[in-house]
Amino acid sequence: MQHYYGFFGPEDLSVLGRIFDTAVTALPASIRTPENRTAIARLVLRRAGAGEAQSASLMSLMDVISPAA
Protein backbone atom coordinates (compact mmCIF):
# COMPACT_ATOMS: atom_id res chain seq x y z
CA MET A 1 0.00 0.00 0.00
CA GLN A 2 1.24 3.39 -0.87
CA HIS A 3 0.79 6.30 1.47
CA TYR A 4 0.33 9.79 0.17
CA TYR A 5 1.20 12.19 2.97
CA GLY A 6 -0.80 10.19 5.51
CA PHE A 7 -3.60 9.26 3.12
CA PHE A 8 -4.48 6.09 1.25
CA GLY A 9 -5.01 6.04 -2.49
CA PRO A 10 -8.30 4.92 -4.09
CA GLU A 11 -7.02 1.42 -4.83
CA ASP A 12 -5.82 1.02 -1.26
CA LEU A 13 -9.19 2.13 0.08
CA SER A 14 -10.90 -0.41 -2.14
CA VAL A 15 -8.72 -3.21 -0.74
CA LEU A 16 -9.24 -2.03 2.84
CA GLY A 17 -12.99 -1.90 2.24
CA ARG A 18 -12.98 -5.50 1.01
CA ILE A 19 -10.96 -6.59 4.04
CA PHE A 20 -13.42 -4.83 6.35
CA ASP A 21 -16.47 -6.28 4.58
CA THR A 22 -14.99 -9.78 4.67
CA ALA A 23 -14.18 -9.53 8.37
CA VAL A 24 -17.64 -8.26 9.27
CA THR A 25 -19.35 -10.89 7.14
CA ALA A 26 -17.32 -13.60 8.89
CA LEU A 27 -18.79 -12.57 12.26
CA PRO A 28 -21.88 -14.33 13.55
CA ALA A 29 -24.90 -12.09 12.97
CA SER A 30 -25.44 -11.71 16.72
CA ILE A 31 -22.16 -9.83 17.16
CA ARG A 32 -22.26 -7.61 14.07
CA THR A 33 -22.87 -4.60 16.26
CA PRO A 34 -21.91 -1.02 15.41
CA GLU A 35 -19.29 -1.21 18.16
CA ASN A 36 -17.69 -4.34 16.70
CA ARG A 37 -17.81 -2.91 13.18
CA THR A 38 -16.03 0.21 14.45
CA ALA A 39 -13.41 -1.92 16.23
CA ILE A 40 -12.75 -3.88 13.03
CA ALA A 41 -12.48 -0.69 10.98
CA ARG A 42 -9.97 0.76 13.43
CA LEU A 43 -7.94 -2.44 13.40
CA VAL A 44 -7.85 -2.55 9.59
CA LEU A 45 -6.80 1.11 9.33
CA ARG A 46 -4.21 0.82 12.09
CA ARG A 47 -2.63 -2.26 10.52
CA ALA A 48 -2.69 -0.74 7.04
CA GLY A 49 -1.04 2.41 8.35
CA ALA A 50 1.73 0.34 9.93
CA GLY A 51 3.27 -0.52 6.56
CA GLU A 52 3.67 -3.20 3.94
CA ALA A 53 4.26 -6.11 6.33
CA GLN A 54 1.03 -5.37 8.17
CA SER A 55 -0.83 -4.94 4.89
CA ALA A 56 0.35 -8.38 3.79
CA SER A 57 -0.93 -9.75 7.09
CA LEU A 58 -4.32 -8.16 6.45
CA MET A 59 -4.50 -9.77 3.02
CA SER A 60 -3.60 -13.15 4.55
CA LEU A 61 -6.29 -12.68 7.18
CA MET A 62 -8.82 -11.91 4.47
CA ASP A 63 -7.88 -15.16 2.69
CA VAL A 64 -8.35 -17.13 5.91
CA ILE A 65 -11.73 -15.71 6.87
CA SER A 66 -13.17 -15.66 3.35
CA PRO A 67 -15.55 -18.50 2.59
CA ALA A 68 -14.06 -21.01 0.17
CA ALA A 69 -15.18 -20.27 -3.36
PDB file of N, CA and C in Angstrom:
ATOM      1  N   MET A   1       0.837  -1.182   0.000  1.00  0.00           N
ATOM      2  CA  MET A   1       0.000   0.000   0.000  1.00  0.00           C
ATOM      3  C   MET A   1       0.876   1.236   0.000  1.00  0.00           C
ATOM      4  N   GLN A   2       0.493   2.157  -0.815  1.00  0.00           N
ATOM      5  CA  GLN A   2       1.243   3.393  -0.873  1.00  0.00           C
ATOM      6  C   GLN A   2       0.543   4.445  -0.031  1.00  0.00           C
ATOM      7  N   HIS A   3       1.341   5.237   0.644  1.00  0.00           N
ATOM      8  CA  HIS A   3       0.793   6.301   1.467  1.00  0.00           C
ATOM      9  C   HIS A   3       1.130   7.622   0.810  1.00  0.00           C
ATOM     10  N   TYR A   4       0.156   8.479   0.758  1.00  0.00           N
ATOM     11  CA  TYR A   4       0.331   9.790   0.165  1.00  0.00           C
ATOM     12  C   TYR A   4       0.135  10.826   1.257  1.00  0.00           C
ATOM     13  N   TYR A   5       1.248  11.191   1.910  1.00  0.00           N
ATOM     14  CA  TYR A   5       1.201  12.187   2.971  1.00  0.00           C
ATOM     15  C   TYR A   5       0.144  11.849   4.017  1.00  0.00           C
ATOM     16  N   GLY A   6       0.129  10.603   4.460  1.00  0.00           N
ATOM     17  CA  GLY A   6      -0.796  10.187   5.507  1.00  0.00           C
ATOM     18  C   GLY A   6      -2.150   9.738   5.013  1.00  0.00           C
ATOM     19  N   PHE A   7      -2.326   9.672   3.691  1.00  0.00           N
ATOM     20  CA  PHE A   7      -3.601   9.262   3.120  1.00  0.00           C
ATOM     21  C   PHE A   7      -3.408   7.986   2.312  1.00  0.00           C
ATOM     22  N   PHE A   8      -4.499   7.274   2.087  1.00  0.00           N
ATOM     23  CA  PHE A   8      -4.478   6.090   1.246  1.00  0.00           C
ATOM     24  C   PHE A   8      -5.051   6.446  -0.122  1.00  0.00           C
ATOM     25  N   GLY A   9      -4.506   5.825  -1.148  1.00  0.00           N
ATOM     26  CA  GLY A   9      -5.013   6.035  -2.494  1.00  0.00           C
ATOM     27  C   GLY A   9      -6.317   5.286  -2.710  1.00  0.00           C
ATOM     28  N   PRO A  10      -7.013   5.564  -3.809  1.00  0.00           N
ATOM     29  CA  PRO A  10      -8.300   4.921  -4.089  1.00  0.00           C
ATOM     30  C   PRO A  10      -8.219   3.397  -4.142  1.00  0.00           C
ATOM     31  N   GLU A  11      -7.154   2.872  -4.752  1.00  0.00           N
ATOM     32  CA  GLU A  11      -7.020   1.415  -4.832  1.00  0.00           C
ATOM     33  C   GLU A  11      -6.838   0.808  -3.452  1.00  0.00           C
ATOM     34  N   ASP A  12      -6.039   1.495  -2.622  1.00  0.00           N
ATOM     35  CA  ASP A  12      -5.820   1.020  -1.256  1.00  0.00           C
ATOM     36  C   ASP A  12      -7.127   1.004  -0.468  1.00  0.00           C
ATOM     37  N   LEU A  13      -7.914   2.056  -0.625  1.00  0.00           N
ATOM     38  CA  LEU A  13      -9.194   2.125   0.083  1.00  0.00           C
ATOM     39  C   LEU A  13     -10.133   1.016  -0.368  1.00  0.00           C
ATOM     40  N   SER A  14     -10.071   0.681  -1.632  1.00  0.00           N
ATOM     41  CA  SER A  14     -10.895  -0.414  -2.141  1.00  0.00           C
ATOM     42  C   SER A  14     -10.507  -1.733  -1.482  1.00  0.00           C
ATOM     43  N   VAL A  15      -9.206  -1.984  -1.386  1.00  0.00           N
ATOM     44  CA  VAL A  15      -8.716  -3.209  -0.736  1.00  0.00           C
ATOM     45  C   VAL A  15      -9.103  -3.215   0.743  1.00  0.00           C
ATOM     46  N   LEU A  16      -8.896  -2.104   1.411  1.00  0.00           N
ATOM     47  CA  LEU A  16      -9.238  -2.028   2.835  1.00  0.00           C
ATOM     48  C   LEU A  16     -10.735  -2.233   3.050  1.00  0.00           C
ATOM     49  N   GLY A  17     -11.544  -1.701   2.148  1.00  0.00           N
ATOM     50  CA  GLY A  17     -12.988  -1.904   2.240  1.00  0.00           C
ATOM     51  C   GLY A  17     -13.369  -3.367   2.107  1.00  0.00           C
ATOM     52  N   ARG A  18     -12.707  -4.060   1.178  1.00  0.00           N
ATOM     53  CA  ARG A  18     -12.979  -5.498   1.011  1.00  0.00           C
ATOM     54  C   ARG A  18     -12.553  -6.284   2.243  1.00  0.00           C
ATOM     55  N   ILE A  19     -11.415  -5.913   2.821  1.00  0.00           N
ATOM     56  CA  ILE A  19     -10.962  -6.589   4.044  1.00  0.00           C
ATOM     57  C   ILE A  19     -11.978  -6.378   5.157  1.00  0.00           C
ATOM     58  N   PHE A  20     -12.421  -5.141   5.323  1.00  0.00           N
ATOM     59  CA  PHE A  20     -13.420  -4.831   6.349  1.00  0.00           C
ATOM     60  C   PHE A  20     -14.707  -5.613   6.114  1.00  0.00           C
ATOM     61  N   ASP A  21     -15.216  -5.576   4.893  1.00  0.00           N
ATOM     62  CA  ASP A  21     -16.467  -6.282   4.580  1.00  0.00           C
ATOM     63  C   ASP A  21     -16.342  -7.774   4.836  1.00  0.00           C
ATOM     64  N   THR A  22     -15.203  -8.349   4.461  1.00  0.00           N
ATOM     65  CA  THR A  22     -14.990  -9.782   4.668  1.00  0.00           C
ATOM     66  C   THR A  22     -14.952 -10.111   6.149  1.00  0.00           C
ATOM     67  N   ALA A  23     -14.270  -9.292   6.922  1.00  0.00           N
ATOM     68  CA  ALA A  23     -14.179  -9.529   8.366  1.00  0.00           C
ATOM     69  C   ALA A  23     -15.548  -9.434   9.030  1.00  0.00           C
ATOM     70  N   VAL A  24     -16.315  -8.427   8.674  1.00  0.00           N
ATOM     71  CA  VAL A  24     -17.644  -8.256   9.270  1.00  0.00           C
ATOM     72  C   VAL A  24     -18.561  -9.407   8.869  1.00  0.00           C
ATOM     73  N   THR A  25     -18.513  -9.796   7.615  1.00  0.00           N
ATOM     74  CA  THR A  25     -19.349 -10.895   7.138  1.00  0.00           C
ATOM     75  C   THR A  25     -19.009 -12.207   7.840  1.00  0.00           C
ATOM     76  N   ALA A  26     -17.745 -12.372   8.217  1.00  0.00           N
ATOM     77  CA  ALA A  26     -17.319 -13.603   8.889  1.00  0.00           C
ATOM     78  C   ALA A  26     -17.838 -13.690  10.326  1.00  0.00           C
ATOM     79  N   LEU A  27     -18.259 -12.558  10.884  1.00  0.00           N
ATOM     80  CA  LEU A  27     -18.785 -12.567  12.256  1.00  0.00           C
ATOM     81  C   LEU A  27     -20.177 -13.189  12.292  1.00  0.00           C
ATOM     82  N   PRO A  28     -20.489 -13.887  13.379  1.00  0.00           N
ATOM     83  CA  PRO A  28     -21.877 -14.330  13.549  1.00  0.00           C
ATOM     84  C   PRO A  28     -22.789 -13.096  13.599  1.00  0.00           C
ATOM     85  N   ALA A  29     -23.966 -13.216  13.047  1.00  0.00           N
ATOM     86  CA  ALA A  29     -24.898 -12.087  12.971  1.00  0.00           C
ATOM     87  C   ALA A  29     -25.142 -11.435  14.333  1.00  0.00           C
ATOM     88  N   SER A  30     -25.140 -12.232  15.385  1.00  0.00           N
ATOM     89  CA  SER A  30     -25.443 -11.710  16.724  1.00  0.00           C
ATOM     90  C   SER A  30     -24.385 -10.747  17.252  1.00  0.00           C
ATOM     91  N   ILE A  31     -23.183 -10.750  16.672  1.00  0.00           N
ATOM     92  CA  ILE A  31     -22.157  -9.826  17.161  1.00  0.00           C
ATOM     93  C   ILE A  31     -21.720  -8.812  16.101  1.00  0.00           C
ATOM     94  N   ARG A  32     -22.530  -8.647  15.075  1.00  0.00           N
ATOM     95  CA  ARG A  32     -22.258  -7.606  14.070  1.00  0.00           C
ATOM     96  C   ARG A  32     -22.831  -6.275  14.533  1.00  0.00           C
ATOM     97  N   THR A  33     -22.371  -5.846  15.671  1.00  0.00           N
ATOM     98  CA  THR A  33     -22.875  -4.601  16.265  1.00  0.00           C
ATOM     99  C   THR A  33     -22.097  -3.411  15.715  1.00  0.00           C
ATOM    100  N   PRO A  34     -22.658  -2.219  15.835  1.00  0.00           N
ATOM    101  CA  PRO A  34     -21.914  -1.024  15.413  1.00  0.00           C
ATOM    102  C   PRO A  34     -20.559  -0.906  16.130  1.00  0.00           C
ATOM    103  N   GLU A  35     -20.531  -1.282  17.391  1.00  0.00           N
ATOM    104  CA  GLU A  35     -19.288  -1.205  18.158  1.00  0.00           C
ATOM    105  C   GLU A  35     -18.232  -2.153  17.590  1.00  0.00           C
ATOM    106  N   ASN A  36     -18.635  -3.378  17.258  1.00  0.00           N
ATOM    107  CA  ASN A  36     -17.692  -4.341  16.696  1.00  0.00           C
ATOM    108  C   ASN A  36     -17.257  -3.939  15.299  1.00  0.00           C
ATOM    109  N   ARG A  37     -18.173  -3.390  14.515  1.00  0.00           N
ATOM    110  CA  ARG A  37     -17.813  -2.913  13.176  1.00  0.00           C
ATOM    111  C   ARG A  37     -16.787  -1.777  13.279  1.00  0.00           C
ATOM    112  N   THR A  38     -16.977  -0.889  14.241  1.00  0.00           N
ATOM    113  CA  THR A  38     -16.029   0.206  14.455  1.00  0.00           C
ATOM    114  C   THR A  38     -14.671  -0.338  14.879  1.00  0.00           C
ATOM    115  N   ALA A  39     -14.668  -1.318  15.768  1.00  0.00           N
ATOM    116  CA  ALA A  39     -13.408  -1.918  16.227  1.00  0.00           C
ATOM    117  C   ALA A  39     -12.661  -2.571  15.068  1.00  0.00           C
ATOM    118  N   ILE A  40     -13.384  -3.247  14.195  1.00  0.00           N
ATOM    119  CA  ILE A  40     -12.755  -3.882  13.032  1.00  0.00           C
ATOM    120  C   ILE A  40     -12.196  -2.814  12.097  1.00  0.00           C
ATOM    121  N   ALA A  41     -12.953  -1.765  11.852  1.00  0.00           N
ATOM    122  CA  ALA A  41     -12.480  -0.687  10.978  1.00  0.00           C
ATOM    123  C   ALA A  41     -11.204  -0.062  11.527  1.00  0.00           C
ATOM    124  N   ARG A  42     -11.175   0.181  12.820  1.00  0.00           N
ATOM    125  CA  ARG A  42      -9.972   0.757  13.432  1.00  0.00           C
ATOM    126  C   ARG A  42      -8.790  -0.183  13.305  1.00  0.00           C
ATOM    127  N   LEU A  43      -9.012  -1.464  13.524  1.00  0.00           N
ATOM    128  CA  LEU A  43      -7.939  -2.444  13.400  1.00  0.00           C
ATOM    129  C   LEU A  43      -7.387  -2.475  11.981  1.00  0.00           C
ATOM    130  N   VAL A  44      -8.274  -2.507  10.995  1.00  0.00           N
ATOM    131  CA  VAL A  44      -7.847  -2.545   9.593  1.00  0.00           C
ATOM    132  C   VAL A  44      -7.028  -1.296   9.260  1.00  0.00           C
ATOM    133  N   LEU A  45      -7.517  -0.130   9.642  1.00  0.00           N
ATOM    134  CA  LEU A  45      -6.804   1.110   9.331  1.00  0.00           C
ATOM    135  C   LEU A  45      -5.471   1.208  10.066  1.00  0.00           C
ATOM    136  N   ARG A  46      -5.455   0.776  11.323  1.00  0.00           N
ATOM    137  CA  ARG A  46      -4.214   0.818  12.095  1.00  0.00           C
ATOM    138  C   ARG A  46      -3.158  -0.094  11.476  1.00  0.00           C
ATOM    139  N   ARG A  47      -3.573  -1.306  11.111  1.00  0.00           N
ATOM    140  CA  ARG A  47      -2.632  -2.256  10.516  1.00  0.00           C
ATOM    141  C   ARG A  47      -2.163  -1.783   9.145  1.00  0.00           C
ATOM    142  N   ALA A  48      -3.061  -1.232   8.364  1.00  0.00           N
ATOM    143  CA  ALA A  48      -2.688  -0.741   7.040  1.00  0.00           C
ATOM    144  C   ALA A  48      -1.718   0.432   7.158  1.00  0.00           C
ATOM    145  N   GLY A  49      -1.920   1.270   8.142  1.00  0.00           N
ATOM    146  CA  GLY A  49      -1.043   2.408   8.350  1.00  0.00           C
ATOM    147  C   GLY A  49       0.326   2.026   8.866  1.00  0.00           C
ATOM    148  N   ALA A  50       0.465   0.792   9.352  1.00  0.00           N
ATOM    149  CA  ALA A  50       1.729   0.344   9.928  1.00  0.00           C
ATOM    150  C   ALA A  50       2.744  -0.048   8.856  1.00  0.00           C
ATOM    151  N   GLY A  51       2.311  -0.226   7.615  1.00  0.00           N
ATOM    152  CA  GLY A  51       3.266  -0.518   6.561  1.00  0.00           C
ATOM    153  C   GLY A  51       2.955  -1.779   5.784  1.00  0.00           C
ATOM    154  N   GLU A  52       3.855  -2.091   4.866  1.00  0.00           N
ATOM    155  CA  GLU A  52       3.669  -3.204   3.937  1.00  0.00           C
ATOM    156  C   GLU A  52       3.515  -4.546   4.643  1.00  0.00           C
ATOM    157  N   ALA A  53       4.330  -4.804   5.650  1.00  0.00           N
ATOM    158  CA  ALA A  53       4.264  -6.108   6.330  1.00  0.00           C
ATOM    159  C   ALA A  53       2.892  -6.313   6.954  1.00  0.00           C
ATOM    160  N   GLN A  54       2.352  -5.273   7.567  1.00  0.00           N
ATOM    161  CA  GLN A  54       1.032  -5.374   8.172  1.00  0.00           C
ATOM    162  C   GLN A  54      -0.039  -5.507   7.098  1.00  0.00           C
ATOM    163  N   SER A  55       0.139  -4.838   5.976  1.00  0.00           N
ATOM    164  CA  SER A  55      -0.827  -4.944   4.886  1.00  0.00           C
ATOM    165  C   SER A  55      -0.869  -6.368   4.345  1.00  0.00           C
ATOM    166  N   ALA A  56       0.290  -6.979   4.236  1.00  0.00           N
ATOM    167  CA  ALA A  56       0.345  -8.376   3.790  1.00  0.00           C
ATOM    168  C   ALA A  56      -0.378  -9.271   4.788  1.00  0.00           C
ATOM    169  N   SER A  57      -0.235  -8.972   6.066  1.00  0.00           N
ATOM    170  CA  SER A  57      -0.934  -9.750   7.095  1.00  0.00           C
ATOM    171  C   SER A  57      -2.444  -9.598   6.962  1.00  0.00           C
ATOM    172  N   LEU A  58      -2.890  -8.389   6.642  1.00  0.00           N
ATOM    173  CA  LEU A  58      -4.319  -8.165   6.447  1.00  0.00           C
ATOM    174  C   LEU A  58      -4.842  -8.969   5.269  1.00  0.00           C
ATOM    175  N   MET A  59      -4.072  -9.001   4.193  1.00  0.00           N
ATOM    176  CA  MET A  59      -4.499  -9.768   3.023  1.00  0.00           C
ATOM    177  C   MET A  59      -4.548 -11.258   3.351  1.00  0.00           C
ATOM    178  N   SER A  60      -3.596 -11.749   4.125  1.00  0.00           N
ATOM    179  CA  SER A  60      -3.601 -13.150   4.548  1.00  0.00           C
ATOM    180  C   SER A  60      -4.808 -13.430   5.422  1.00  0.00           C
ATOM    181  N   LEU A  61      -5.122 -12.512   6.316  1.00  0.00           N
ATOM    182  CA  LEU A  61      -6.293 -12.676   7.179  1.00  0.00           C
ATOM    183  C   LEU A  61      -7.552 -12.754   6.339  1.00  0.00           C
ATOM    184  N   MET A  62      -7.650 -11.907   5.328  1.00  0.00           N
ATOM    185  CA  MET A  62      -8.823 -11.914   4.466  1.00  0.00           C
ATOM    186  C   MET A  62      -8.963 -13.265   3.779  1.00  0.00           C
ATOM    187  N   ASP A  63      -7.847 -13.846   3.330  1.00  0.00           N
ATOM    188  CA  ASP A  63      -7.881 -15.155   2.689  1.00  0.00           C
ATOM    189  C   ASP A  63      -8.376 -16.227   3.650  1.00  0.00           C
ATOM    190  N   VAL A  64      -7.970 -16.123   4.907  1.00  0.00           N
ATOM    191  CA  VAL A  64      -8.348 -17.129   5.907  1.00  0.00           C
ATOM    192  C   VAL A  64      -9.818 -17.056   6.255  1.00  0.00           C
ATOM    193  N   ILE A  65     -10.338 -15.826   6.411  1.00  0.00           N
ATOM    194  CA  ILE A  65     -11.730 -15.710   6.866  1.00  0.00           C
ATOM    195  C   ILE A  65     -12.733 -15.715   5.734  1.00  0.00           C
ATOM    196  N   SER A  66     -12.252 -15.617   4.494  1.00  0.00           N
ATOM    197  CA  SER A  66     -13.170 -15.660   3.352  1.00  0.00           C
ATOM    198  C   SER A  66     -13.722 -17.064   3.192  1.00  0.00           C
ATOM    199  N   PRO A  67     -15.002 -17.170   2.869  1.00  0.00           N
ATOM    200  CA  PRO A  67     -15.546 -18.496   2.591  1.00  0.00           C
ATOM    201  C   PRO A  67     -14.875 -19.068   1.335  1.00  0.00           C
ATOM    202  N   ALA A  68     -14.669 -20.349   1.341  1.00  0.00           N
ATOM    203  CA  ALA A  68     -14.060 -21.009   0.166  1.00  0.00           C
ATOM    204  C   ALA A  68     -14.981 -20.844  -1.037  1.00  0.00           C
ATOM    205  N   ALA A  69     -14.379 -20.479  -2.146  1.00  0.00           N
ATOM    206  CA  ALA A  69     -15.181 -20.270  -3.361  1.00  0.00           C
ATOM    207  C   ALA A  69     -15.234 -21.526  -4.184  1.00  0.00           C
TER     208      ALA A  69
END
